[in-house]
């Protein structure tokens, strides 16, 4: 009887270890595997660029993302569509100013995962709290999640209404007679978040 109990206990411990234990596995964000791109549109065209992640962790339980926090470094905003250095620097400076992201006072933006819904195949809807400029709003992002070995990659795209974060510069909701200076309220974020199990 003791031998049977010892064998069962050993198998249980082995199974928990293989599954990552009752608390699951922690995946640490890897910047080399990650990228975040943004697109902002206006009446006369659009601008696009990128931003780097600062740090973050993703928890996985039973083969599915359960929680996590991802932090973006707002000081790394890059404008990619303007070749002229002076014009490029002017737009970057404006984006970092209080008219837009107020980076001096808010050097990071964060996304905290609160719930994950499996849709079909590798497609999930990841729900969470997005904090930009110190303001938090709930969002749901369609995301493809791939896990292989000790690596996790999440790829998705979403539209963010900037006015919910009090970024109102050039918004037709708050200013009249903007003409061709009006800027769309929504901007696009495309991301690839790579993480390694640690």
N, C-alpha and C. Protein backbone atom coordinates (compact mmCIF):
# COMPACT_ATOMS: atom_id res chain seq x y z
N UNK A 1 0.83 -1.21 0.00
CA UNK A 1 0.00 0.00 0.00
C UNK A 1 0.86 1.25 0.00
N UNK A 2 1.93 1.25 0.82
CA UNK A 2 2.83 2.41 0.86
C UNK A 2 3.50 2.62 -0.49
N UNK A 3 3.86 1.47 -1.13
CA UNK A 3 4.52 1.58 -2.44
C UNK A 3 3.56 2.21 -3.45
N UNK A 4 2.29 1.81 -3.42
CA UNK A 4 1.29 2.36 -4.35
C UNK A 4 1.12 3.86 -4.13
N UNK A 5 1.01 4.27 -2.83
CA UNK A 5 0.87 5.69 -2.52
C UNK A 5 2.08 6.48 -2.96
N UNK A 6 3.28 5.90 -2.78
CA UNK A 6 4.51 6.59 -3.20
C UNK A 6 4.54 6.77 -4.71
N UNK A 7 4.09 5.73 -5.42
CA UNK A 7 4.08 5.79 -6.89
C UNK A 7 3.09 6.85 -7.38
N UNK A 8 1.88 6.86 -6.77
CA UNK A 8 0.86 7.85 -7.15
C UNK A 8 1.35 9.25 -6.87
N UNK A 9 1.97 9.46 -5.71
CA UNK A 9 2.50 10.79 -5.35
C UNK A 9 3.57 11.23 -6.33
N UNK A 10 4.46 10.31 -6.69
CA UNK A 10 5.53 10.64 -7.63
C UNK A 10 4.97 11.02 -8.99
N UNK A 11 3.94 10.26 -9.45
CA UNK A 11 3.32 10.57 -10.74
C UNK A 11 2.62 11.93 -10.71
N UNK A 12 1.96 12.23 -9.58
CA UNK A 12 1.26 13.52 -9.45
C UNK A 12 2.24 14.67 -9.50
N UNK A 13 3.36 14.55 -8.79
CA UNK A 13 4.39 15.59 -8.79
C UNK A 13 4.97 15.77 -10.19
N UNK A 14 5.20 14.63 -10.87
CA UNK A 14 5.74 14.69 -12.23
C UNK A 14 4.78 15.40 -13.17
N UNK A 15 3.47 15.06 -13.02
CA UNK A 15 2.45 15.68 -13.89
C UNK A 15 2.35 17.17 -13.65
N UNK A 16 2.40 17.60 -12.39
CA UNK A 16 2.35 19.03 -12.07
C UNK A 16 3.55 19.76 -12.61
N UNK A 17 4.71 19.13 -12.54
CA UNK A 17 5.93 19.76 -13.05
C UNK A 17 5.85 19.93 -14.55
N UNK A 18 5.30 18.90 -15.24
CA UNK A 18 5.19 18.97 -16.69
C UNK A 18 4.21 20.05 -17.11
N UNK A 19 3.15 20.23 -16.33
CA UNK A 19 2.11 21.20 -16.67
C UNK A 19 2.43 22.61 -16.20
N UNK A 20 3.59 22.77 -15.54
CA UNK A 20 3.96 24.08 -15.06
C UNK A 20 3.48 24.34 -13.66
N UNK A 21 2.96 23.30 -12.99
CA UNK A 21 2.53 23.48 -11.61
C UNK A 21 1.18 24.14 -11.54
N UNK A 22 0.60 24.23 -10.36
CA UNK A 22 -0.74 24.79 -10.21
C UNK A 22 -0.82 26.27 -10.57
N UNK A 23 0.30 26.97 -10.53
CA UNK A 23 0.28 28.40 -10.83
C UNK A 23 0.60 28.69 -12.29
N UNK A 24 0.87 27.66 -13.08
CA UNK A 24 1.15 27.86 -14.49
C UNK A 24 2.57 28.31 -14.74
N UNK A 25 2.80 28.77 -15.99
CA UNK A 25 4.14 29.19 -16.42
C UNK A 25 4.18 30.68 -16.68
N UNK A 26 5.32 31.27 -16.42
CA UNK A 26 5.52 32.69 -16.69
C UNK A 26 6.40 32.85 -17.92
N UNK A 27 5.92 33.64 -18.88
CA UNK A 27 6.68 33.95 -20.09
C UNK A 27 7.11 35.41 -20.02
N UNK A 28 8.38 35.65 -20.19
CA UNK A 28 8.92 37.01 -20.12
C UNK A 28 9.02 37.61 -21.52
N UNK A 29 8.55 38.85 -21.66
CA UNK A 29 8.58 39.54 -22.96
C UNK A 29 10.02 39.65 -23.47
N UNK A 30 10.19 39.33 -24.75
CA UNK A 30 11.50 39.42 -25.42
C UNK A 30 11.40 40.47 -26.52
N UNK A 31 12.12 41.58 -26.36
CA UNK A 31 12.05 42.67 -27.33
C UNK A 31 12.51 42.28 -28.72
N UNK A 32 13.45 41.35 -28.81
CA UNK A 32 13.95 40.93 -30.12
C UNK A 32 12.90 40.16 -30.91
N UNK A 33 11.94 39.58 -30.20
CA UNK A 33 10.87 38.84 -30.85
C UNK A 33 9.60 39.67 -31.00
N UNK A 34 9.63 40.92 -30.53
CA UNK A 34 8.42 41.74 -30.47
C UNK A 34 8.53 42.99 -31.34
N UNK A 35 7.38 43.47 -31.79
CA UNK A 35 7.32 44.73 -32.53
C UNK A 35 5.92 45.32 -32.37
N UNK A 36 5.86 46.65 -32.31
CA UNK A 36 4.58 47.35 -32.24
C UNK A 36 4.60 48.46 -33.27
N UNK A 37 3.61 48.47 -34.16
CA UNK A 37 3.51 49.49 -35.21
C UNK A 37 2.22 50.28 -35.02
N UNK A 38 2.28 51.57 -35.35
CA UNK A 38 1.09 52.41 -35.24
C UNK A 38 0.82 53.12 -36.56
N UNK A 39 -0.45 53.42 -36.80
CA UNK A 39 -0.86 54.19 -37.98
C UNK A 39 -1.89 55.21 -37.53
N UNK A 40 -1.63 56.49 -37.82
CA UNK A 40 -2.57 57.56 -37.52
C UNK A 40 -3.01 58.22 -38.81
N UNK A 41 -4.32 58.40 -38.97
CA UNK A 41 -4.83 58.96 -40.22
C UNK A 41 -5.42 60.35 -40.02
N UNK A 42 -5.39 61.13 -41.09
CA UNK A 42 -5.97 62.48 -41.09
C UNK A 42 -6.61 62.72 -42.45
N UNK A 43 -7.25 63.87 -42.61
CA UNK A 43 -7.95 64.15 -43.86
C UNK A 43 -7.01 64.11 -45.06
N UNK A 44 -5.81 64.61 -44.88
CA UNK A 44 -4.87 64.73 -46.01
C UNK A 44 -3.92 63.55 -46.15
N UNK A 45 -4.09 62.50 -45.35
CA UNK A 45 -3.18 61.36 -45.48
C UNK A 45 -3.04 60.60 -44.17
N UNK A 46 -1.84 60.08 -43.93
CA UNK A 46 -1.60 59.33 -42.71
C UNK A 46 -0.11 59.31 -42.37
N UNK A 47 0.19 58.93 -41.15
CA UNK A 47 1.58 58.73 -40.72
C UNK A 47 1.66 57.38 -40.03
N UNK A 48 2.84 56.79 -40.07
CA UNK A 48 3.02 55.50 -39.41
C UNK A 48 4.40 55.43 -38.76
N UNK A 49 4.50 54.53 -37.81
CA UNK A 49 5.77 54.39 -37.11
C UNK A 49 5.76 53.18 -36.19
N UNK A 50 6.63 53.22 -35.20
CA UNK A 50 6.75 52.09 -34.29
C UNK A 50 7.04 52.56 -32.88
N UNK A 51 6.97 51.63 -31.97
CA UNK A 51 7.29 51.90 -30.57
C UNK A 51 7.78 50.59 -29.95
N UNK A 52 8.67 50.69 -29.00
CA UNK A 52 9.25 49.49 -28.40
C UNK A 52 8.56 49.13 -27.09
N UNK A 53 8.55 47.84 -26.81
CA UNK A 53 8.07 47.39 -25.50
C UNK A 53 9.18 47.61 -24.48
N UNK A 54 8.78 47.86 -23.26
CA UNK A 54 9.75 48.07 -22.19
C UNK A 54 10.00 46.78 -21.41
N UNK A 55 8.91 46.15 -21.00
CA UNK A 55 9.02 44.89 -20.25
C UNK A 55 7.63 44.29 -20.10
N UNK A 56 7.57 43.10 -19.55
CA UNK A 56 6.28 42.49 -19.29
C UNK A 56 6.36 41.00 -19.09
N UNK A 57 5.29 40.43 -18.57
CA UNK A 57 5.18 39.00 -18.35
C UNK A 57 3.80 38.52 -18.75
N UNK A 58 3.74 37.29 -19.24
CA UNK A 58 2.47 36.65 -19.60
C UNK A 58 2.38 35.32 -18.87
N UNK A 59 1.26 35.09 -18.19
CA UNK A 59 1.03 33.83 -17.48
C UNK A 59 0.23 32.89 -18.37
N UNK A 60 0.65 31.62 -18.40
CA UNK A 60 -0.04 30.59 -19.17
C UNK A 60 -0.44 29.45 -18.24
N UNK A 61 -1.71 29.09 -18.28
CA UNK A 61 -2.22 27.97 -17.49
C UNK A 61 -3.00 27.02 -18.39
N UNK A 62 -2.69 25.75 -18.31
CA UNK A 62 -3.36 24.73 -19.12
C UNK A 62 -3.30 25.07 -20.61
N UNK A 63 -2.14 25.56 -21.05
CA UNK A 63 -1.94 25.85 -22.46
C UNK A 63 -2.63 27.08 -22.98
N UNK A 64 -3.10 27.95 -22.08
CA UNK A 64 -3.84 29.14 -22.50
C UNK A 64 -3.42 30.34 -21.66
N UNK A 65 -3.29 31.49 -22.30
CA UNK A 65 -2.95 32.71 -21.57
C UNK A 65 -4.02 33.00 -20.53
N UNK A 66 -3.60 33.28 -19.31
CA UNK A 66 -4.55 33.55 -18.24
C UNK A 66 -4.47 34.99 -17.73
N UNK A 67 -3.29 35.58 -17.78
CA UNK A 67 -3.11 36.95 -17.31
C UNK A 67 -1.78 37.47 -17.82
N UNK A 68 -1.50 38.73 -17.50
CA UNK A 68 -0.22 39.30 -17.92
C UNK A 68 -0.26 40.81 -17.96
N UNK A 69 0.91 41.39 -18.00
CA UNK A 69 1.05 42.84 -18.12
C UNK A 69 2.15 43.15 -19.11
N UNK A 70 1.84 44.03 -20.07
CA UNK A 70 2.81 44.43 -21.08
C UNK A 70 2.98 45.94 -21.01
N UNK A 71 4.22 46.39 -20.93
CA UNK A 71 4.50 47.82 -20.79
C UNK A 71 5.22 48.35 -22.04
N UNK A 72 4.74 49.47 -22.57
CA UNK A 72 5.35 50.11 -23.73
C UNK A 72 6.16 51.33 -23.31
N UNK A 73 7.30 51.52 -23.92
CA UNK A 73 8.19 52.64 -23.62
C UNK A 73 7.84 53.80 -24.56
N UNK A 74 7.11 54.78 -24.06
CA UNK A 74 6.64 55.87 -24.92
C UNK A 74 7.76 56.77 -25.41
N UNK A 75 8.92 56.70 -24.77
CA UNK A 75 10.07 57.49 -25.23
C UNK A 75 10.67 56.95 -26.52
N UNK A 76 10.23 55.76 -26.94
CA UNK A 76 10.81 55.14 -28.15
C UNK A 76 9.94 55.35 -29.38
N UNK A 77 8.98 56.28 -29.32
CA UNK A 77 8.14 56.55 -30.49
C UNK A 77 9.01 56.92 -31.69
N UNK A 78 8.74 56.25 -32.81
CA UNK A 78 9.49 56.52 -34.05
C UNK A 78 8.49 56.82 -35.17
N UNK A 79 8.78 57.84 -35.97
CA UNK A 79 7.99 58.15 -37.16
C UNK A 79 8.75 57.58 -38.35
N UNK A 80 8.12 56.71 -39.13
CA UNK A 80 8.84 56.00 -40.18
C UNK A 80 8.54 56.47 -41.60
N UNK A 81 7.50 57.28 -41.79
CA UNK A 81 7.10 57.64 -43.15
C UNK A 81 7.64 58.99 -43.61
N UNK A 82 8.34 59.73 -42.75
CA UNK A 82 8.85 61.05 -43.13
C UNK A 82 10.37 61.00 -43.20
N UNK A 83 10.92 61.24 -44.39
CA UNK A 83 12.37 61.14 -44.59
C UNK A 83 13.11 62.39 -44.13
N UNK A 84 12.52 63.56 -44.32
CA UNK A 84 13.19 64.79 -43.92
C UNK A 84 13.38 64.82 -42.40
N UNK A 85 14.62 64.96 -41.95
CA UNK A 85 14.93 64.87 -40.52
C UNK A 85 14.21 65.93 -39.69
N UNK A 86 14.17 67.14 -40.20
CA UNK A 86 13.53 68.23 -39.46
C UNK A 86 12.04 68.02 -39.29
N UNK A 87 11.37 67.65 -40.39
CA UNK A 87 9.93 67.41 -40.35
C UNK A 87 9.61 66.19 -39.48
N UNK A 88 10.47 65.17 -39.59
CA UNK A 88 10.30 63.96 -38.78
C UNK A 88 10.39 64.29 -37.28
N UNK A 89 11.41 65.06 -36.94
CA UNK A 89 11.61 65.43 -35.53
C UNK A 89 10.47 66.28 -35.01
N UNK A 90 9.92 67.12 -35.88
CA UNK A 90 8.81 68.00 -35.48
C UNK A 90 7.57 67.17 -35.13
N UNK A 91 7.26 66.18 -35.99
CA UNK A 91 6.09 65.34 -35.72
C UNK A 91 6.32 64.47 -34.48
N UNK A 92 7.51 63.91 -34.36
CA UNK A 92 7.81 63.08 -33.19
C UNK A 92 7.67 63.90 -31.91
N UNK A 93 8.19 65.12 -31.92
CA UNK A 93 8.09 65.99 -30.76
C UNK A 93 6.65 66.32 -30.41
N UNK A 94 5.83 66.51 -31.47
CA UNK A 94 4.41 66.82 -31.24
C UNK A 94 3.69 65.61 -30.62
N UNK A 95 4.00 64.40 -31.13
CA UNK A 95 3.39 63.19 -30.59
C UNK A 95 3.76 62.98 -29.12
N UNK A 96 4.95 63.39 -28.74
CA UNK A 96 5.42 63.21 -27.37
C UNK A 96 4.96 64.33 -26.44
N UNK A 97 4.39 65.39 -27.02
CA UNK A 97 3.94 66.54 -26.22
C UNK A 97 2.59 66.26 -25.56
N UNK A 98 2.14 67.20 -24.76
CA UNK A 98 0.87 67.05 -24.06
C UNK A 98 -0.33 67.04 -25.01
N UNK A 99 -0.15 67.56 -26.24
CA UNK A 99 -1.23 67.49 -27.22
C UNK A 99 -1.62 66.05 -27.53
N UNK A 100 -0.62 65.16 -27.43
CA UNK A 100 -0.86 63.75 -27.72
C UNK A 100 -0.57 62.89 -26.48
N UNK A 101 0.63 62.29 -26.40
CA UNK A 101 0.87 61.27 -25.36
C UNK A 101 1.51 61.80 -24.07
N UNK A 102 1.90 63.06 -24.03
CA UNK A 102 2.44 63.63 -22.79
C UNK A 102 3.52 62.75 -22.16
N UNK A 103 4.53 62.40 -22.97
CA UNK A 103 5.51 61.39 -22.57
C UNK A 103 6.33 61.79 -21.35
N UNK A 104 6.60 63.08 -21.17
CA UNK A 104 7.40 63.50 -20.02
C UNK A 104 6.72 63.10 -18.71
N UNK A 105 5.41 63.25 -18.66
CA UNK A 105 4.67 62.89 -17.44
C UNK A 105 4.21 61.43 -17.45
N UNK A 106 4.12 60.85 -18.65
CA UNK A 106 3.61 59.48 -18.78
C UNK A 106 4.56 58.68 -19.69
N UNK A 107 5.72 58.30 -19.17
CA UNK A 107 6.74 57.64 -19.99
C UNK A 107 6.40 56.22 -20.43
N UNK A 108 5.37 55.62 -19.83
CA UNK A 108 4.98 54.27 -20.23
C UNK A 108 3.47 54.18 -20.42
N UNK A 109 3.07 53.23 -21.25
CA UNK A 109 1.67 52.84 -21.38
C UNK A 109 1.62 51.35 -21.10
N UNK A 110 0.51 50.88 -20.53
CA UNK A 110 0.46 49.46 -20.17
C UNK A 110 -0.83 48.80 -20.63
N UNK A 111 -0.72 47.49 -20.86
CA UNK A 111 -1.90 46.67 -21.15
C UNK A 111 -1.90 45.51 -20.17
N UNK A 112 -2.95 45.43 -19.36
CA UNK A 112 -3.07 44.38 -18.36
C UNK A 112 -4.17 43.41 -18.78
N UNK A 113 -3.80 42.17 -19.02
CA UNK A 113 -4.75 41.15 -19.46
C UNK A 113 -5.66 40.74 -18.31
N UNK A 114 -6.96 40.79 -18.55
CA UNK A 114 -7.93 40.43 -17.51
C UNK A 114 -8.73 39.17 -17.84
N UNK A 115 -8.90 38.88 -19.14
CA UNK A 115 -9.67 37.70 -19.53
C UNK A 115 -9.30 37.32 -20.96
N UNK A 116 -9.31 36.01 -21.23
CA UNK A 116 -8.99 35.53 -22.57
C UNK A 116 -10.09 34.58 -23.03
N UNK A 117 -10.66 34.85 -24.21
CA UNK A 117 -11.69 34.00 -24.78
C UNK A 117 -11.15 33.28 -26.01
N UNK A 118 -11.25 31.97 -26.03
CA UNK A 118 -10.82 31.21 -27.19
C UNK A 118 -11.93 31.23 -28.24
N UNK A 119 -11.59 31.54 -29.47
CA UNK A 119 -12.58 31.59 -30.54
C UNK A 119 -12.49 30.32 -31.39
N UNK A 120 -11.53 30.25 -32.27
CA UNK A 120 -11.34 29.04 -33.07
C UNK A 120 -9.87 28.92 -33.46
N UNK A 121 -9.38 27.69 -33.46
CA UNK A 121 -7.99 27.47 -33.80
C UNK A 121 -7.06 28.22 -32.86
N UNK A 122 -6.23 29.09 -33.44
CA UNK A 122 -5.28 29.88 -32.66
C UNK A 122 -5.77 31.29 -32.39
N UNK A 123 -7.04 31.56 -32.72
CA UNK A 123 -7.61 32.90 -32.54
C UNK A 123 -8.26 33.05 -31.17
N UNK A 124 -7.92 34.14 -30.49
CA UNK A 124 -8.47 34.45 -29.18
C UNK A 124 -8.92 35.90 -29.16
N UNK A 125 -9.81 36.25 -28.25
CA UNK A 125 -10.10 37.64 -27.93
C UNK A 125 -9.49 37.91 -26.56
N UNK A 126 -8.50 38.79 -26.54
CA UNK A 126 -7.82 39.09 -25.28
C UNK A 126 -8.40 40.39 -24.73
N UNK A 127 -9.01 40.31 -23.57
CA UNK A 127 -9.60 41.46 -22.90
C UNK A 127 -8.61 42.01 -21.87
N UNK A 128 -8.62 43.33 -21.72
CA UNK A 128 -7.71 43.89 -20.74
C UNK A 128 -7.93 45.36 -20.49
N UNK A 129 -7.14 45.89 -19.59
CA UNK A 129 -7.16 47.31 -19.24
C UNK A 129 -5.97 47.99 -19.90
N UNK A 130 -6.27 48.91 -20.82
CA UNK A 130 -5.23 49.67 -21.51
C UNK A 130 -5.09 51.04 -20.84
N UNK A 131 -3.88 51.36 -20.42
CA UNK A 131 -3.63 52.65 -19.77
C UNK A 131 -2.70 53.49 -20.64
N UNK A 132 -3.21 54.63 -21.09
CA UNK A 132 -2.44 55.59 -21.87
C UNK A 132 -2.62 56.95 -21.24
N UNK A 133 -1.54 57.65 -21.04
CA UNK A 133 -1.59 59.00 -20.48
C UNK A 133 -2.27 59.00 -19.10
N UNK A 134 -2.09 57.90 -18.36
CA UNK A 134 -2.63 57.80 -17.02
C UNK A 134 -4.11 57.47 -16.95
N UNK A 135 -4.74 57.22 -18.11
CA UNK A 135 -6.17 56.91 -18.16
C UNK A 135 -6.36 55.47 -18.60
N UNK A 136 -7.22 54.73 -17.91
CA UNK A 136 -7.42 53.31 -18.19
C UNK A 136 -8.79 53.05 -18.82
N UNK A 137 -8.79 52.30 -19.92
CA UNK A 137 -10.02 51.91 -20.61
C UNK A 137 -9.97 50.42 -20.91
N UNK A 138 -11.12 49.78 -20.92
CA UNK A 138 -11.20 48.36 -21.24
C UNK A 138 -11.22 48.17 -22.75
N UNK A 139 -10.46 47.20 -23.23
CA UNK A 139 -10.42 46.90 -24.66
C UNK A 139 -10.45 45.38 -24.85
N UNK A 140 -10.86 44.95 -26.04
CA UNK A 140 -10.83 43.54 -26.42
C UNK A 140 -10.12 43.44 -27.77
N UNK A 141 -9.08 42.63 -27.84
CA UNK A 141 -8.24 42.60 -29.03
C UNK A 141 -8.23 41.20 -29.65
N UNK A 142 -8.67 41.07 -30.93
CA UNK A 142 -8.55 39.77 -31.62
C UNK A 142 -7.06 39.46 -31.80
N UNK A 143 -6.64 38.30 -31.34
CA UNK A 143 -5.22 37.97 -31.32
C UNK A 143 -4.98 36.51 -31.70
N UNK A 144 -3.99 36.29 -32.55
CA UNK A 144 -3.56 34.93 -32.85
C UNK A 144 -2.41 34.57 -31.91
N UNK A 145 -2.56 33.48 -31.19
CA UNK A 145 -1.54 33.07 -30.22
C UNK A 145 -0.94 31.73 -30.63
N UNK A 146 0.38 31.71 -30.71
CA UNK A 146 1.09 30.47 -31.05
C UNK A 146 2.08 30.14 -29.94
N UNK A 147 2.05 28.90 -29.49
CA UNK A 147 2.99 28.44 -28.46
C UNK A 147 3.73 27.22 -28.98
N UNK A 148 5.05 27.31 -28.94
CA UNK A 148 5.87 26.20 -29.41
C UNK A 148 7.11 26.11 -28.54
N UNK A 149 7.28 24.98 -27.89
CA UNK A 149 8.41 24.82 -26.98
C UNK A 149 8.32 25.81 -25.84
N UNK A 150 9.37 26.60 -25.66
CA UNK A 150 9.36 27.60 -24.57
C UNK A 150 9.05 28.99 -25.07
N UNK A 151 8.50 29.08 -26.30
CA UNK A 151 8.25 30.38 -26.92
C UNK A 151 6.75 30.61 -27.13
N UNK A 152 6.33 31.85 -26.88
CA UNK A 152 4.94 32.28 -27.13
C UNK A 152 4.96 33.51 -28.02
N UNK A 153 4.13 33.51 -29.05
CA UNK A 153 4.02 34.68 -29.93
C UNK A 153 2.55 35.04 -30.09
N UNK A 154 2.22 36.29 -29.81
CA UNK A 154 0.85 36.80 -29.96
C UNK A 154 0.85 37.90 -31.03
N UNK A 155 -0.01 37.76 -32.03
CA UNK A 155 -0.05 38.71 -33.15
C UNK A 155 -1.47 39.25 -33.29
N UNK A 156 -1.62 40.57 -33.36
CA UNK A 156 -2.96 41.13 -33.47
C UNK A 156 -2.96 42.55 -33.98
N UNK A 157 -4.16 43.07 -34.14
CA UNK A 157 -4.35 44.44 -34.62
C UNK A 157 -5.64 44.98 -34.02
N UNK A 158 -5.62 46.25 -33.63
CA UNK A 158 -6.82 46.85 -33.06
C UNK A 158 -6.88 48.34 -33.33
N UNK A 159 -8.07 48.91 -33.23
CA UNK A 159 -8.27 50.34 -33.37
C UNK A 159 -8.50 50.93 -31.98
N UNK A 160 -7.78 52.00 -31.67
CA UNK A 160 -7.89 52.66 -30.37
C UNK A 160 -8.46 54.06 -30.56
N UNK A 161 -9.52 54.38 -29.82
CA UNK A 161 -10.09 55.73 -29.85
C UNK A 161 -9.29 56.61 -28.89
N UNK A 162 -8.46 57.47 -29.46
CA UNK A 162 -7.55 58.30 -28.65
C UNK A 162 -8.29 59.28 -27.74
N UNK A 163 -9.50 59.68 -28.14
CA UNK A 163 -10.21 60.68 -27.35
C UNK A 163 -10.64 60.13 -25.99
N UNK A 164 -10.73 58.79 -25.86
CA UNK A 164 -11.07 58.19 -24.57
C UNK A 164 -9.93 58.39 -23.56
N UNK A 165 -8.74 58.70 -24.08
CA UNK A 165 -7.58 58.94 -23.23
C UNK A 165 -7.23 60.44 -23.18
N UNK A 166 -8.23 61.24 -23.50
CA UNK A 166 -8.11 62.71 -23.49
C UNK A 166 -7.03 63.21 -24.44
N UNK A 167 -6.87 62.50 -25.56
CA UNK A 167 -5.99 62.98 -26.63
C UNK A 167 -6.92 63.56 -27.70
N UNK A 168 -7.16 64.85 -27.61
CA UNK A 168 -8.22 65.47 -28.40
C UNK A 168 -7.72 66.40 -29.50
N UNK A 169 -6.43 66.56 -29.63
CA UNK A 169 -5.87 67.48 -30.62
C UNK A 169 -6.39 67.12 -32.03
N UNK A 170 -6.96 68.10 -32.72
CA UNK A 170 -7.42 67.90 -34.10
C UNK A 170 -8.63 66.99 -34.23
N UNK A 171 -9.35 66.75 -33.13
CA UNK A 171 -10.51 65.87 -33.18
C UNK A 171 -11.78 66.63 -33.55
N UNK A 172 -12.52 66.09 -34.53
CA UNK A 172 -13.76 66.72 -34.94
C UNK A 172 -14.84 66.64 -33.88
N UNK A 173 -14.67 65.78 -32.89
CA UNK A 173 -15.65 65.67 -31.80
C UNK A 173 -15.61 66.89 -30.88
N UNK A 174 -14.43 67.49 -30.80
CA UNK A 174 -14.23 68.55 -29.81
C UNK A 174 -13.92 69.92 -30.41
N UNK A 175 -13.57 69.95 -31.71
CA UNK A 175 -13.22 71.22 -32.34
C UNK A 175 -13.96 71.36 -33.67
N UNK A 176 -14.47 72.56 -33.94
CA UNK A 176 -15.20 72.82 -35.17
C UNK A 176 -14.30 73.47 -36.22
N UNK A 177 -14.75 73.40 -37.45
CA UNK A 177 -14.10 74.08 -38.58
C UNK A 177 -12.62 73.71 -38.71
N UNK A 178 -12.29 72.44 -38.52
CA UNK A 178 -10.89 72.01 -38.66
C UNK A 178 -10.49 71.84 -40.12
N UNK A 179 -11.48 71.62 -40.97
CA UNK A 179 -11.17 71.45 -42.39
C UNK A 179 -10.23 70.29 -42.63
N UNK A 180 -9.19 70.53 -43.45
CA UNK A 180 -8.26 69.44 -43.75
C UNK A 180 -7.21 69.22 -42.65
N UNK A 181 -7.37 69.91 -41.53
CA UNK A 181 -6.47 69.69 -40.39
C UNK A 181 -7.03 68.67 -39.39
N UNK A 182 -8.22 68.16 -39.70
CA UNK A 182 -8.84 67.21 -38.80
C UNK A 182 -8.10 65.87 -38.82
N UNK A 183 -7.90 65.30 -37.62
CA UNK A 183 -7.21 64.02 -37.46
C UNK A 183 -8.21 62.99 -36.98
N UNK A 184 -8.14 61.77 -37.53
CA UNK A 184 -9.06 60.71 -37.11
C UNK A 184 -8.93 60.44 -35.61
N UNK A 185 -10.06 60.15 -34.98
CA UNK A 185 -10.03 59.85 -33.55
C UNK A 185 -9.39 58.48 -33.28
N UNK A 186 -9.55 57.56 -34.21
CA UNK A 186 -9.00 56.23 -34.00
C UNK A 186 -7.65 56.07 -34.68
N UNK A 187 -6.73 55.41 -33.98
CA UNK A 187 -5.47 55.04 -34.61
C UNK A 187 -5.28 53.53 -34.49
N UNK A 188 -4.51 52.97 -35.40
CA UNK A 188 -4.34 51.53 -35.50
C UNK A 188 -3.06 51.08 -34.81
N UNK A 189 -3.16 50.01 -34.05
CA UNK A 189 -1.98 49.38 -33.45
C UNK A 189 -1.87 47.96 -34.00
N UNK A 190 -0.73 47.62 -34.58
CA UNK A 190 -0.43 46.26 -35.01
C UNK A 190 0.74 45.76 -34.17
N UNK A 191 0.58 44.58 -33.60
CA UNK A 191 1.63 44.13 -32.69
C UNK A 191 1.99 42.66 -32.89
N UNK A 192 3.24 42.38 -32.57
CA UNK A 192 3.73 41.01 -32.47
C UNK A 192 4.47 40.97 -31.14
N UNK A 193 3.93 40.25 -30.18
CA UNK A 193 4.54 40.17 -28.85
C UNK A 193 5.13 38.78 -28.69
N UNK A 194 6.44 38.72 -28.55
CA UNK A 194 7.12 37.44 -28.34
C UNK A 194 7.59 37.33 -26.90
N UNK A 195 7.46 36.13 -26.34
CA UNK A 195 7.86 35.94 -24.94
C UNK A 195 8.48 34.54 -24.78
N UNK A 196 9.41 34.45 -23.84
CA UNK A 196 10.13 33.21 -23.57
C UNK A 196 9.81 32.72 -22.16
N UNK A 197 9.54 31.44 -22.04
CA UNK A 197 9.26 30.88 -20.71
C UNK A 197 10.52 30.90 -19.87
N UNK A 198 10.40 31.49 -18.67
CA UNK A 198 11.58 31.65 -17.82
C UNK A 198 11.44 30.94 -16.49
